[in-house]
Amino acid sequence: MKRFLGSRGILAVLVFVAVFSPFPRTSWCAPGALAQDASFDAGEVAQGRDLEHEFLLKNVGDEPLTFTIESC
């Protein structure tokens, strides 16, 4: 009986940790974008000037990564 209750207690703790874990969950079979430099400081830009910057992204997942670009 003690062994049964002990194993149920361990199971309850594992379920609690799995559900309420503060650590990010890993999603299997999903795309994932990783930016080489995720931030960019443009400094001061004069009004009316165009600004352009490229971000290098890498798919670190195991599914195709797609992006949709919408104009402002």
N, C-alpha and C. Protein backbone atom coordinates (compact mmCIF):
# COMPACT_ATOMS: atom_id res chain seq x y z
N MET A 1 0.82 -1.20 0.00
CA MET A 1 0.00 0.00 0.00
C MET A 1 0.87 1.26 0.00
N LYS A 2 1.93 1.27 0.84
CA LYS A 2 2.82 2.45 0.88
C LYS A 2 3.50 2.67 -0.46
N ARG A 3 3.89 1.57 -1.10
CA ARG A 3 4.57 1.69 -2.39
C ARG A 3 3.61 2.30 -3.42
N PHE A 4 2.35 1.89 -3.39
CA PHE A 4 1.34 2.41 -4.31
C PHE A 4 1.11 3.90 -4.07
N LEU A 5 0.98 4.30 -2.82
CA LEU A 5 0.78 5.72 -2.50
C LEU A 5 2.01 6.54 -2.83
N GLY A 6 3.20 5.98 -2.62
CA GLY A 6 4.43 6.69 -2.95
C GLY A 6 4.57 6.93 -4.44
N SER A 7 4.23 5.90 -5.22
CA SER A 7 4.33 6.07 -6.68
C SER A 7 3.29 7.06 -7.19
N ARG A 8 2.10 7.08 -6.56
CA ARG A 8 1.09 8.06 -6.96
C ARG A 8 1.55 9.48 -6.61
N GLY A 9 2.23 9.64 -5.49
CA GLY A 9 2.75 10.95 -5.10
C GLY A 9 3.80 11.44 -6.07
N ILE A 10 4.69 10.53 -6.47
CA ILE A 10 5.72 10.90 -7.44
C ILE A 10 5.07 11.27 -8.77
N LEU A 11 4.08 10.51 -9.19
CA LEU A 11 3.37 10.81 -10.43
C LEU A 11 2.68 12.17 -10.36
N ALA A 12 2.08 12.47 -9.21
CA ALA A 12 1.41 13.77 -9.04
C ALA A 12 2.41 14.91 -9.15
N VAL A 13 3.59 14.75 -8.56
CA VAL A 13 4.62 15.80 -8.62
C VAL A 13 5.09 15.98 -10.07
N LEU A 14 5.31 14.88 -10.78
CA LEU A 14 5.75 14.99 -12.18
C LEU A 14 4.72 15.67 -13.05
N VAL A 15 3.45 15.35 -12.85
CA VAL A 15 2.39 16.00 -13.63
C VAL A 15 2.33 17.49 -13.29
N PHE A 16 2.45 17.83 -12.01
CA PHE A 16 2.44 19.24 -11.61
C PHE A 16 3.59 20.01 -12.25
N VAL A 17 4.78 19.43 -12.23
CA VAL A 17 5.96 20.09 -12.83
C VAL A 17 5.78 20.23 -14.34
N ALA A 18 5.22 19.21 -14.99
CA ALA A 18 5.03 19.27 -16.45
C ALA A 18 4.02 20.33 -16.84
N VAL A 19 2.97 20.51 -16.03
CA VAL A 19 1.91 21.47 -16.38
C VAL A 19 2.29 22.88 -15.99
N PHE A 20 2.87 23.07 -14.82
CA PHE A 20 3.13 24.41 -14.30
C PHE A 20 4.62 24.77 -14.32
N SER A 21 5.38 24.16 -15.19
CA SER A 21 6.81 24.40 -15.26
C SER A 21 7.10 25.83 -15.74
N PRO A 22 8.07 26.52 -15.10
CA PRO A 22 8.44 27.87 -15.55
C PRO A 22 9.35 27.84 -16.78
N PHE A 23 9.80 26.65 -17.16
CA PHE A 23 10.70 26.53 -18.29
C PHE A 23 9.91 26.45 -19.59
N PRO A 24 10.46 27.01 -20.68
CA PRO A 24 9.73 26.96 -21.96
C PRO A 24 9.61 25.52 -22.45
N ARG A 25 8.49 25.21 -23.04
CA ARG A 25 8.26 23.87 -23.58
C ARG A 25 8.83 23.79 -24.99
N THR A 26 9.39 22.65 -25.32
CA THR A 26 9.90 22.41 -26.66
C THR A 26 8.79 21.81 -27.49
N SER A 27 8.54 22.40 -28.63
CA SER A 27 7.51 21.89 -29.51
C SER A 27 8.18 21.04 -30.58
N TRP A 28 7.78 19.81 -30.69
CA TRP A 28 8.36 18.91 -31.68
C TRP A 28 7.63 19.10 -33.00
N CYS A 29 8.33 18.92 -34.10
CA CYS A 29 7.77 19.02 -35.44
C CYS A 29 7.16 20.41 -35.67
N ALA A 30 7.94 21.42 -35.48
CA ALA A 30 7.46 22.79 -35.68
C ALA A 30 8.61 23.64 -36.21
N PRO A 31 8.27 24.68 -36.99
CA PRO A 31 9.32 25.61 -37.42
C PRO A 31 9.74 26.49 -36.25
N GLY A 32 10.92 27.04 -36.33
CA GLY A 32 11.39 27.97 -35.31
C GLY A 32 12.38 28.93 -35.92
N ALA A 33 12.17 30.22 -35.72
CA ALA A 33 13.06 31.24 -36.28
C ALA A 33 14.05 31.69 -35.23
N LEU A 34 15.31 31.76 -35.61
CA LEU A 34 16.36 32.26 -34.73
C LEU A 34 17.05 33.41 -35.46
N ALA A 35 17.05 34.60 -34.85
CA ALA A 35 17.68 35.78 -35.45
C ALA A 35 19.11 35.89 -34.94
N GLN A 36 20.04 36.16 -35.86
CA GLN A 36 21.44 36.29 -35.47
C GLN A 36 21.60 37.50 -34.54
N ASP A 37 21.09 38.65 -34.92
CA ASP A 37 21.05 39.85 -34.08
C ASP A 37 19.60 40.28 -34.01
N ALA A 38 18.94 40.01 -32.90
CA ALA A 38 17.50 40.22 -32.80
C ALA A 38 17.11 41.69 -32.62
N SER A 39 18.06 42.56 -32.29
CA SER A 39 17.71 43.97 -32.11
C SER A 39 18.59 44.85 -33.01
N PHE A 40 18.08 46.03 -33.29
CA PHE A 40 18.79 46.98 -34.14
C PHE A 40 18.50 48.38 -33.65
N ASP A 41 19.54 49.15 -33.35
CA ASP A 41 19.39 50.53 -32.90
C ASP A 41 19.71 51.44 -34.09
N ALA A 42 18.70 52.10 -34.61
CA ALA A 42 18.87 52.97 -35.77
C ALA A 42 19.38 54.36 -35.39
N GLY A 43 19.45 54.64 -34.11
CA GLY A 43 19.88 55.96 -33.69
C GLY A 43 18.83 57.00 -34.06
N GLU A 44 19.27 58.22 -34.34
CA GLU A 44 18.34 59.27 -34.75
C GLU A 44 18.18 59.24 -36.26
N VAL A 45 16.93 59.25 -36.69
CA VAL A 45 16.63 59.22 -38.12
C VAL A 45 15.78 60.45 -38.42
N ALA A 46 16.22 61.23 -39.41
CA ALA A 46 15.50 62.44 -39.79
C ALA A 46 14.14 62.07 -40.38
N GLN A 47 13.16 62.90 -40.10
CA GLN A 47 11.82 62.67 -40.60
C GLN A 47 11.83 62.66 -42.13
N GLY A 48 11.12 61.70 -42.71
CA GLY A 48 11.04 61.61 -44.16
C GLY A 48 12.13 60.74 -44.78
N ARG A 49 13.11 60.32 -44.00
CA ARG A 49 14.19 59.47 -44.52
C ARG A 49 13.77 58.01 -44.45
N ASP A 50 14.12 57.25 -45.46
CA ASP A 50 13.87 55.81 -45.45
C ASP A 50 14.99 55.12 -44.66
N LEU A 51 14.60 54.09 -43.97
CA LEU A 51 15.57 53.33 -43.18
C LEU A 51 15.43 51.87 -43.58
N GLU A 52 16.56 51.22 -43.76
CA GLU A 52 16.55 49.83 -44.17
C GLU A 52 17.54 49.06 -43.32
N HIS A 53 17.15 47.85 -42.92
CA HIS A 53 18.05 46.98 -42.17
C HIS A 53 17.68 45.53 -42.46
N GLU A 54 18.66 44.66 -42.58
CA GLU A 54 18.40 43.25 -42.83
C GLU A 54 18.64 42.45 -41.56
N PHE A 55 17.73 41.52 -41.30
CA PHE A 55 17.88 40.58 -40.20
C PHE A 55 18.12 39.19 -40.81
N LEU A 56 19.12 38.50 -40.33
CA LEU A 56 19.40 37.15 -40.80
C LEU A 56 18.66 36.17 -39.90
N LEU A 57 17.76 35.38 -40.51
CA LEU A 57 16.96 34.42 -39.77
C LEU A 57 17.34 33.01 -40.22
N LYS A 58 17.33 32.10 -39.25
CA LYS A 58 17.63 30.70 -39.53
C LYS A 58 16.49 29.84 -39.00
N ASN A 59 16.04 28.89 -39.77
CA ASN A 59 15.01 27.96 -39.33
C ASN A 59 15.69 26.89 -38.47
N VAL A 60 15.42 26.90 -37.18
CA VAL A 60 16.01 25.92 -36.28
C VAL A 60 15.04 24.80 -35.96
N GLY A 61 13.89 24.79 -36.61
CA GLY A 61 12.90 23.74 -36.40
C GLY A 61 13.06 22.65 -37.45
N ASP A 62 12.13 21.73 -37.43
CA ASP A 62 12.19 20.64 -38.39
C ASP A 62 11.01 20.63 -39.36
N GLU A 63 10.36 21.78 -39.50
CA GLU A 63 9.28 21.97 -40.46
C GLU A 63 9.59 23.24 -41.26
N PRO A 64 9.02 23.41 -42.47
CA PRO A 64 9.26 24.62 -43.25
C PRO A 64 8.82 25.87 -42.51
N LEU A 65 9.61 26.92 -42.63
CA LEU A 65 9.34 28.20 -41.99
C LEU A 65 8.89 29.17 -43.07
N THR A 66 7.70 29.76 -42.90
CA THR A 66 7.18 30.69 -43.89
C THR A 66 6.88 32.03 -43.22
N PHE A 67 7.01 33.10 -44.00
CA PHE A 67 6.74 34.45 -43.52
C PHE A 67 5.74 35.12 -44.45
N THR A 68 4.89 35.95 -43.89
CA THR A 68 3.97 36.74 -44.67
C THR A 68 4.31 38.20 -44.45
N ILE A 69 4.54 38.94 -45.52
CA ILE A 69 4.91 40.34 -45.41
C ILE A 69 3.71 41.19 -45.79
N GLU A 70 3.35 42.10 -44.90
CA GLU A 70 2.24 43.01 -45.16
C GLU A 70 2.77 44.45 -45.09
N SER A 71 2.31 45.29 -45.99
CA SER A 71 2.74 46.68 -45.98
C SER A 71 1.99 47.45 -44.89
N CYS A 72 2.60 48.54 -44.46
CA CYS A 72 1.99 49.36 -43.40
C CYS A 72 0.86 50.20 -43.93
